[in-house]
C-alpha atoms as a PDB file:
ATOM      1  CA  MET A   1       6.235  10.125 -30.368  1.00  0.00           C
ATOM      2  CA  SER A   2       3.188  12.282 -30.905  1.00  0.00           C
ATOM      3  CA  HIS A   3       1.788  14.650 -28.305  1.00  0.00           C
ATOM      4  CA  PHE A   4      -1.339  12.474 -28.130  1.00  0.00           C
ATOM      5  CA  HIS A   5       0.705   9.409 -27.139  1.00  0.00           C
ATOM      6  CA  SER A   6       2.585  11.358 -24.463  1.00  0.00           C
ATOM      7  CA  VAL A   7      -0.653  12.642 -22.940  1.00  0.00           C
ATOM      8  CA  PHE A   8      -2.258   9.203 -23.230  1.00  0.00           C
ATOM      9  CA  PHE A   9       0.664   7.553 -21.415  1.00  0.00           C
ATOM     10  CA  ALA A  10       0.644  10.203 -18.690  1.00  0.00           C
ATOM     11  CA  VAL A  11      -3.101   9.880 -18.078  1.00  0.00           C
ATOM     12  CA  THR A  12      -2.896   6.083 -18.176  1.00  0.00           C
ATOM     13  CA  ALA A  13      -0.101   6.115 -15.614  1.00  0.00           C
ATOM     14  CA  VAL A  14      -2.081   8.321 -13.248  1.00  0.00           C
ATOM     15  CA  ILE A  15      -5.244   6.245 -13.587  1.00  0.00           C
ATOM     16  CA  THR A  16      -3.473   2.877 -13.485  1.00  0.00           C
ATOM     17  CA  SER A  17      -2.002   3.097 -10.035  1.00  0.00           C
ATOM     18  CA  VAL A  18      -1.627   5.506  -7.219  1.00  0.00           C
ATOM     19  CA  SER A  19       1.261   3.468  -5.856  1.00  0.00           C
ATOM     20  CA  ALA A  20       3.360   3.547  -9.042  1.00  0.00           C
ATOM     21  CA  THR A  21       7.128   3.816  -8.737  1.00  0.00           C
ATOM     22  CA  GLU A  22       9.501   5.885 -10.841  1.00  0.00           C
ATOM     23  CA  TYR A  23      12.932   4.333 -11.329  1.00  0.00           C
ATOM     24  CA  LYS A  24      15.986   6.317 -12.361  1.00  0.00           C
ATOM     25  CA  VAL A  25      17.622   3.968 -14.828  1.00  0.00           C
ATOM     26  CA  GLY A  26      21.051   2.874 -13.634  1.00  0.00           C
ATOM     27  CA  GLY A  27      20.424   4.258 -10.163  1.00  0.00           C
ATOM     28  CA  PRO A  28      20.979   7.773  -8.814  1.00  0.00           C
ATOM     29  CA  ALA A  29      24.732   7.876  -9.492  1.00  0.00           C
ATOM     30  CA  VAL A  30      24.958   6.180 -12.889  1.00  0.00           C
ATOM     31  CA  GLY A  31      22.138   7.337 -15.134  1.00  0.00           C
ATOM     32  CA  TRP A  32      21.915   6.371 -18.823  1.00  0.00           C
ATOM     33  CA  ARG A  33      25.500   6.499 -20.102  1.00  0.00           C
ATOM     34  CA  LEU A  34      28.057   4.224 -21.685  1.00  0.00           C
ATOM     35  CA  PRO A  35      28.949   1.547 -19.120  1.00  0.00           C
ATOM     36  CA  PRO A  36      32.552   0.622 -18.307  1.00  0.00           C
ATOM     37  CA  ILE A  37      34.146  -1.790 -20.800  1.00  0.00           C
ATOM     38  CA  ASN A  38      34.187  -4.607 -18.232  1.00  0.00           C
ATOM     39  CA  ASP A  39      30.509  -4.061 -17.293  1.00  0.00           C
ATOM     40  CA  THR A  40      28.595  -4.187 -20.588  1.00  0.00           C
ATOM     41  CA  LYS A  41      25.610  -5.924 -18.942  1.00  0.00           C
ATOM     42  CA  LEU A  42      25.241  -3.129 -16.354  1.00  0.00           C
ATOM     43  CA  TYR A  43      21.733  -2.022 -17.350  1.00  0.00           C
ATOM     44  CA  ASN A  44      20.324  -5.504 -17.888  1.00  0.00           C
ATOM     45  CA  VAL A  45      21.649  -6.602 -14.489  1.00  0.00           C
ATOM     46  CA  TRP A  46      20.168  -3.434 -12.941  1.00  0.00           C
ATOM     47  CA  ALA A  47      16.769  -4.150 -14.563  1.00  0.00           C
ATOM     48  CA  SER A  48      16.796  -7.847 -13.615  1.00  0.00           C
ATOM     49  CA  ARG A  49      17.070  -6.915  -9.934  1.00  0.00           C
ATOM     50  CA  ARG A  50      13.812  -4.976  -9.981  1.00  0.00           C
ATOM     51  CA  ARG A  51      10.136  -5.690 -10.517  1.00  0.00           C
ATOM     52  CA  PHE A  52       8.485  -3.337 -12.973  1.00  0.00           C
ATOM     53  CA  TYR A  53       4.709  -3.073 -13.014  1.00  0.00           C
ATOM     54  CA  VAL A  54       2.177  -1.463 -15.307  1.00  0.00           C
ATOM     55  CA  GLY A  55       1.884   2.118 -14.057  1.00  0.00           C
ATOM     56  CA  ASP A  56       5.545   2.456 -13.059  1.00  0.00           C
ATOM     57  CA  SER A  57       7.882   4.724 -14.995  1.00  0.00           C
ATOM     58  CA  LEU A  58      11.539   4.804 -16.003  1.00  0.00           C
ATOM     59  CA  ARG A  59      13.518   8.046 -15.903  1.00  0.00           C
ATOM     60  CA  PHE A  60      16.472   8.102 -18.282  1.00  0.00           C
ATOM     61  CA  VAL A  61      18.990  10.882 -17.608  1.00  0.00           C
ATOM     62  CA  TYR A  62      21.701  11.203 -20.258  1.00  0.00           C
ATOM     63  CA  GLY A  63      24.061  13.715 -21.810  1.00  0.00           C
ATOM     64  CA  TYR A  64      25.208  13.662 -25.423  1.00  0.00           C
ATOM     65  CA  ASP A  65      23.357  10.563 -26.478  1.00  0.00           C
ATOM     66  CA  SER A  66      19.822   9.474 -27.194  1.00  0.00           C
ATOM     67  CA  LEU A  67      17.266   6.945 -26.082  1.00  0.00           C
ATOM     68  CA  VAL A  68      15.516   4.676 -28.543  1.00  0.00           C
ATOM     69  CA  VAL A  69      12.637   2.321 -27.776  1.00  0.00           C
ATOM     70  CA  VAL A  70      12.799  -0.599 -30.207  1.00  0.00           C
ATOM     71  CA  GLU A  71      11.294  -4.013 -30.895  1.00  0.00           C
ATOM     72  CA  LYS A  72      13.092  -7.218 -29.909  1.00  0.00           C
ATOM     73  CA  TRP A  73      14.910  -7.642 -33.255  1.00  0.00           C
ATOM     74  CA  GLY A  74      16.237  -4.084 -33.192  1.00  0.00           C
ATOM     75  CA  PHE A  75      17.405  -4.564 -29.597  1.00  0.00           C
ATOM     76  CA  TYR A  76      19.407  -7.735 -30.290  1.00  0.00           C
ATOM     77  CA  HIS A  77      20.942  -6.269 -33.450  1.00  0.00           C
ATOM     78  CA  CYS A  78      21.514  -2.740 -32.044  1.00  0.00           C
ATOM     79  CA  ASP A  79      19.459  -1.454 -34.953  1.00  0.00           C
ATOM     80  CA  SER A  80      17.539   1.762 -34.323  1.00  0.00           C
ATOM     81  CA  ARG A  81      16.359   2.309 -37.922  1.00  0.00           C
ATOM     82  CA  ASN A  82      12.736   1.361 -37.069  1.00  0.00           C
ATOM     83  CA  PRO A  83      12.230   2.856 -33.614  1.00  0.00           C
ATOM     84  CA  VAL A  84       9.035   2.623 -31.621  1.00  0.00           C
ATOM     85  CA  ALA A  85      10.075   5.973 -30.122  1.00  0.00           C
ATOM     86  CA  PHE A  86      13.171   8.211 -30.218  1.00  0.00           C
ATOM     87  CA  TYR A  87      14.274  10.777 -27.627  1.00  0.00           C
ATOM     88  CA  ASN A  88      17.284  13.083 -27.406  1.00  0.00           C
ATOM     89  CA  ASP A  89      16.215  15.671 -24.821  1.00  0.00           C
ATOM     90  CA  GLY A  90      18.652  14.542 -22.088  1.00  0.00           C
ATOM     91  CA  GLU A  91      15.955  13.425 -19.633  1.00  0.00           C
ATOM     92  CA  THR A  92      13.132  11.152 -20.699  1.00  0.00           C
ATOM     93  CA  VAL A  93      10.397   9.514 -18.647  1.00  0.00           C
ATOM     94  CA  ILE A  94       8.867   6.364 -20.111  1.00  0.00           C
ATOM     95  CA  TYR A  95       5.554   5.227 -18.639  1.00  0.00           C
ATOM     96  CA  LEU A  96       5.151   1.461 -18.512  1.00  0.00           C
ATOM     97  CA  ASP A  97       1.612   1.023 -19.764  1.00  0.00           C
ATOM     98  CA  LYS A  98       1.421  -2.613 -20.874  1.00  0.00           C
ATOM     99  CA  VAL A  99       2.546  -6.071 -19.797  1.00  0.00           C
ATOM    100  CA  GLY A 100       5.502  -7.610 -21.603  1.00  0.00           C
ATOM    101  CA  PRO A 101       9.089  -6.863 -22.552  1.00  0.00           C
ATOM    102  CA  MET A 102      10.289  -3.385 -23.485  1.00  0.00           C
ATOM    103  CA  TYR A 103      13.586  -2.734 -25.213  1.00  0.00           C
ATOM    104  CA  PHE A 104      15.732   0.386 -24.849  1.00  0.00           C
ATOM    105  CA  MET A 105      19.019   1.304 -26.480  1.00  0.00           C
ATOM    106  CA  SER A 106      21.273   4.178 -27.363  1.00  0.00           C
ATOM    107  CA  GLY A 107      20.622   5.728 -30.746  1.00  0.00           C
ATOM    108  CA  VAL A 108      24.375   5.563 -31.379  1.00  0.00           C
ATOM    109  CA  PRO A 109      24.970   2.024 -32.732  1.00  0.00           C
ATOM    110  CA  ASP A 110      28.473   1.691 -31.254  1.00  0.00           C
ATOM    111  CA  ASN A 111      27.182   2.719 -27.793  1.00  0.00           C
ATOM    112  CA  CYS A 112      24.465   0.070 -27.996  1.00  0.00           C
ATOM    113  CA  LYS A 113      27.064  -2.571 -28.931  1.00  0.00           C
ATOM    114  CA  GLN A 114      29.158  -1.515 -25.918  1.00  0.00           C
ATOM    115  CA  GLY A 115      26.292  -2.142 -23.501  1.00  0.00           C
ATOM    116  CA  LEU A 116      24.118   0.973 -23.556  1.00  0.00           C
ATOM    117  CA  ASN A 117      20.933  -1.073 -23.902  1.00  0.00           C
ATOM    118  CA  MET A 118      18.379  -2.585 -21.567  1.00  0.00           C
ATOM    119  CA  GLU A 119      15.497  -5.045 -21.633  1.00  0.00           C
ATOM    120  CA  VAL A 120      12.721  -4.585 -19.067  1.00  0.00           C
ATOM    121  CA  GLU A 121       9.944  -7.067 -18.281  1.00  0.00           C
ATOM    122  CA  VAL A 122       6.722  -5.284 -17.270  1.00  0.00           C
ATOM    123  CA  MET A 123       4.197  -7.229 -15.188  1.00  0.00           C
ATOM    124  CA  ASN A 124       0.683  -6.662 -13.951  1.00  0.00           C
ATOM    125  CA  ARG A 125       0.650  -5.246 -10.465  1.00  0.00           C
ATOM    126  CA  PRO A 126      -0.303  -7.948  -7.984  1.00  0.00           C
ATOM    127  CA  PRO A 127      -3.752  -7.406  -6.516  1.00  0.00           C
ATOM    128  CA  VAL A 128      -3.910  -5.711  -3.169  1.00  0.00           C
ATOM    129  CA  ILE A 129      -5.570  -8.071  -0.758  1.00  0.00           C
ATOM    130  CA  HIS A 130      -7.601  -6.280   1.837  1.00  0.00           C
ATOM    131  CA  ASN A 131      -8.232  -8.512   4.801  1.00  0.00           C
ATOM    132  CA  PRO A 132     -11.762  -7.970   6.059  1.00  0.00           C
ATOM    133  CA  PRO A 133     -12.001  -6.996   9.701  1.00  0.00           C
ATOM    134  CA  PRO A 134     -12.447  -9.983  11.974  1.00  0.00           C
ATOM    135  CA  ALA A 135     -16.049 -11.011  12.350  1.00  0.00           C
ATOM    136  CA  ILE A 136     -17.598 -10.108  15.656  1.00  0.00           C
ATOM    137  CA  PRO A 137     -19.139 -13.255  17.068  1.00  0.00           C
ATOM    138  CA  ASN A 138     -22.826 -13.088  17.747  1.00  0.00           C
ATOM    139  CA  PRO A 139     -23.645 -13.020  21.428  1.00  0.00           C
ATOM    140  CA  PRO A 140     -24.934 -16.338  22.711  1.00  0.00           C
ATOM    141  CA  PRO A 141     -28.711 -16.576  22.599  1.00  0.00           C
ATOM    142  CA  ALA A 142     -30.375 -15.392  25.747  1.00  0.00           C
ATOM    143  CA  ILE A 143     -31.673 -18.276  27.795  1.00  0.00           C
ATOM    144  CA  PRO A 144     -34.795 -17.189  29.578  1.00  0.00           C
ATOM    145  CA  SER A 145     -34.365 -17.670  33.286  1.00  0.00           C
ATOM    146  CA  PRO A 146     -37.229 -18.645  35.508  1.00  0.00           C
ATOM    147  CA  PRO A 147     -38.861 -15.711  37.233  1.00  0.00           C
ATOM    148  CA  GLU A 148     -37.181 -14.950  40.489  1.00  0.00           C
ATOM    149  CA  LYS A 149     -39.024 -14.770  43.724  1.00  0.00           C
ATOM    150  CA  THR A 150     -38.929 -11.231  44.907  1.00  0.00           C
ATOM    151  CA  ASN A 151     -39.608 -10.155  48.388  1.00  0.00           C
ATOM    152  CA  PRO A 152     -41.398  -6.894  48.901  1.00  0.00           C
ATOM    153  CA  PRO A 153     -38.984  -4.207  50.015  1.00  0.00           C
ATOM    154  CA  THR A 154     -38.676  -3.902  53.718  1.00  0.00           C
ATOM    155  CA  GLU A 155     -38.207  -0.645  55.487  1.00  0.00           C
ATOM    156  CA  SER A 156     -35.347   0.330  57.724  1.00  0.00           C
ATOM    157  CA  LYS A 157     -35.797   2.088  61.025  1.00  0.00           C
ATOM    158  CA  SER A 158     -35.553   5.354  59.103  1.00  0.00           C
ATOM    159  CA  GLY A 159     -38.456   4.423  56.854  1.00  0.00           C
ATOM    160  CA  LEU A 160     -36.257   4.033  53.733  1.00  0.00           C
ATOM    161  CA  PRO A 161     -36.716   0.840  51.690  1.00  0.00           C
ATOM    162  CA  ILE A 162     -33.909  -1.739  51.848  1.00  0.00           C
ATOM    163  CA  ALA A 163     -33.183  -3.582  48.596  1.00  0.00           C
ATOM    164  CA  ASP A 164     -32.807  -7.345  48.599  1.00  0.00           C
ATOM    165  CA  SER A 165     -29.313  -7.998  47.169  1.00  0.00           C
ATOM    166  CA  ALA A 166     -30.420 -11.291  45.633  1.00  0.00           C
ATOM    167  CA  THR A 167     -32.992  -9.631  43.414  1.00  0.00           C
ATOM    168  CA  ASN A 168     -31.266  -6.333  42.666  1.00  0.00           C
ATOM    169  CA  HIS A 169     -28.967  -7.334  39.765  1.00  0.00           C
ATOM    170  CA  HIS A 170     -28.300  -3.724  38.780  1.00  0.00           C
ATOM    171  CA  ALA A 171     -27.024  -2.455  42.109  1.00  0.00           C
ATOM    172  CA  PRO A 172     -23.642  -0.731  41.863  1.00  0.00           C
ATOM    173  CA  PRO A 173     -20.732  -2.499  43.570  1.00  0.00           C
ATOM    174  CA  LEU A 174     -20.338   0.372  45.986  1.00  0.00           C
ATOM    175  CA  PHE A 175     -23.141   1.846  48.025  1.00  0.00           C
ATOM    176  CA  LEU A 176     -23.559   3.968  51.093  1.00  0.00           C
ATOM    177  CA  SER A 177     -24.473   2.175  54.245  1.00  0.00           C
ATOM    178  CA  LEU A 178     -27.852   3.460  55.309  1.00  0.00           C
ATOM    179  CA  ALA A 179     -27.376   2.197  58.840  1.00  0.00           C
ATOM    180  CA  ALA A 180     -24.533   4.648  59.400  1.00  0.00           C
ATOM    181  CA  TYR A 181     -26.646   7.435  57.941  1.00  0.00           C
ATOM    182  CA  HIS A 182     -29.508   6.586  60.292  1.00  0.00           C
ATOM    183  CA  HIS A 183     -27.272   7.031  63.340  1.00  0.00           C
ATOM    184  CA  HIS A 184     -26.090  10.452  62.084  1.00  0.00           C
ATOM    185  CA  GLU A 185     -22.571   9.231  61.459  1.00  0.00           C
ATOM    186  CA  THR A 186     -20.454   9.865  58.433  1.00  0.00           C
ATOM    187  CA  PRO A 187     -21.524   7.500  55.690  1.00  0.00           C
ATOM    188  CA  SER A 188     -19.109   4.653  55.075  1.00  0.00           C
ATOM    189  CA  ILE A 189     -18.453   2.888  51.801  1.00  0.00           C
ATOM    190  CA  THR A 190     -19.110  -0.813  51.825  1.00  0.00           C
ATOM    191  CA  HIS A 191     -17.669  -3.128  49.140  1.00  0.00           C
ATOM    192  CA  MET A 192     -19.647  -6.133  48.007  1.00  0.00           C
END
């Protein structure tokens, strides 16, 4: 694969999704190697148990083998003569940049026939649904109340005005008793 394609795939993967996942093919312990004789579907079973999305990547770790990306026909016939891409560096990262099937196999035909191959289905990432914050209900419309009858403030024996509790809607719930103050006693707190 050309340098341009490698850079293009890397940039596409970064732009495509911040939440992309990199999968080590075969899992952390297995890697890309010839499967046991009784487990020739190992990699296809591994791939079928995962969801691969555009923007994700596959990390192939292998020893003395190779990795070939092929078309469907080449995959089913273990034929790597017309590869889409060929790698033999021992550790290859493939960026999944389009929706649809992708086919991977060993470049050694006998290894492919013994199960060193894998088909991956790449899907579009489901949209992230952001729930809008709950709407704050509008306060009920203010109903104008009829003007209240207010009495002029009366004065206490000390000459201080006394508020009428029926008309003073903004009075704090606690207030000092002025009567106690007038008699030179310690002010007391009265609860209403």
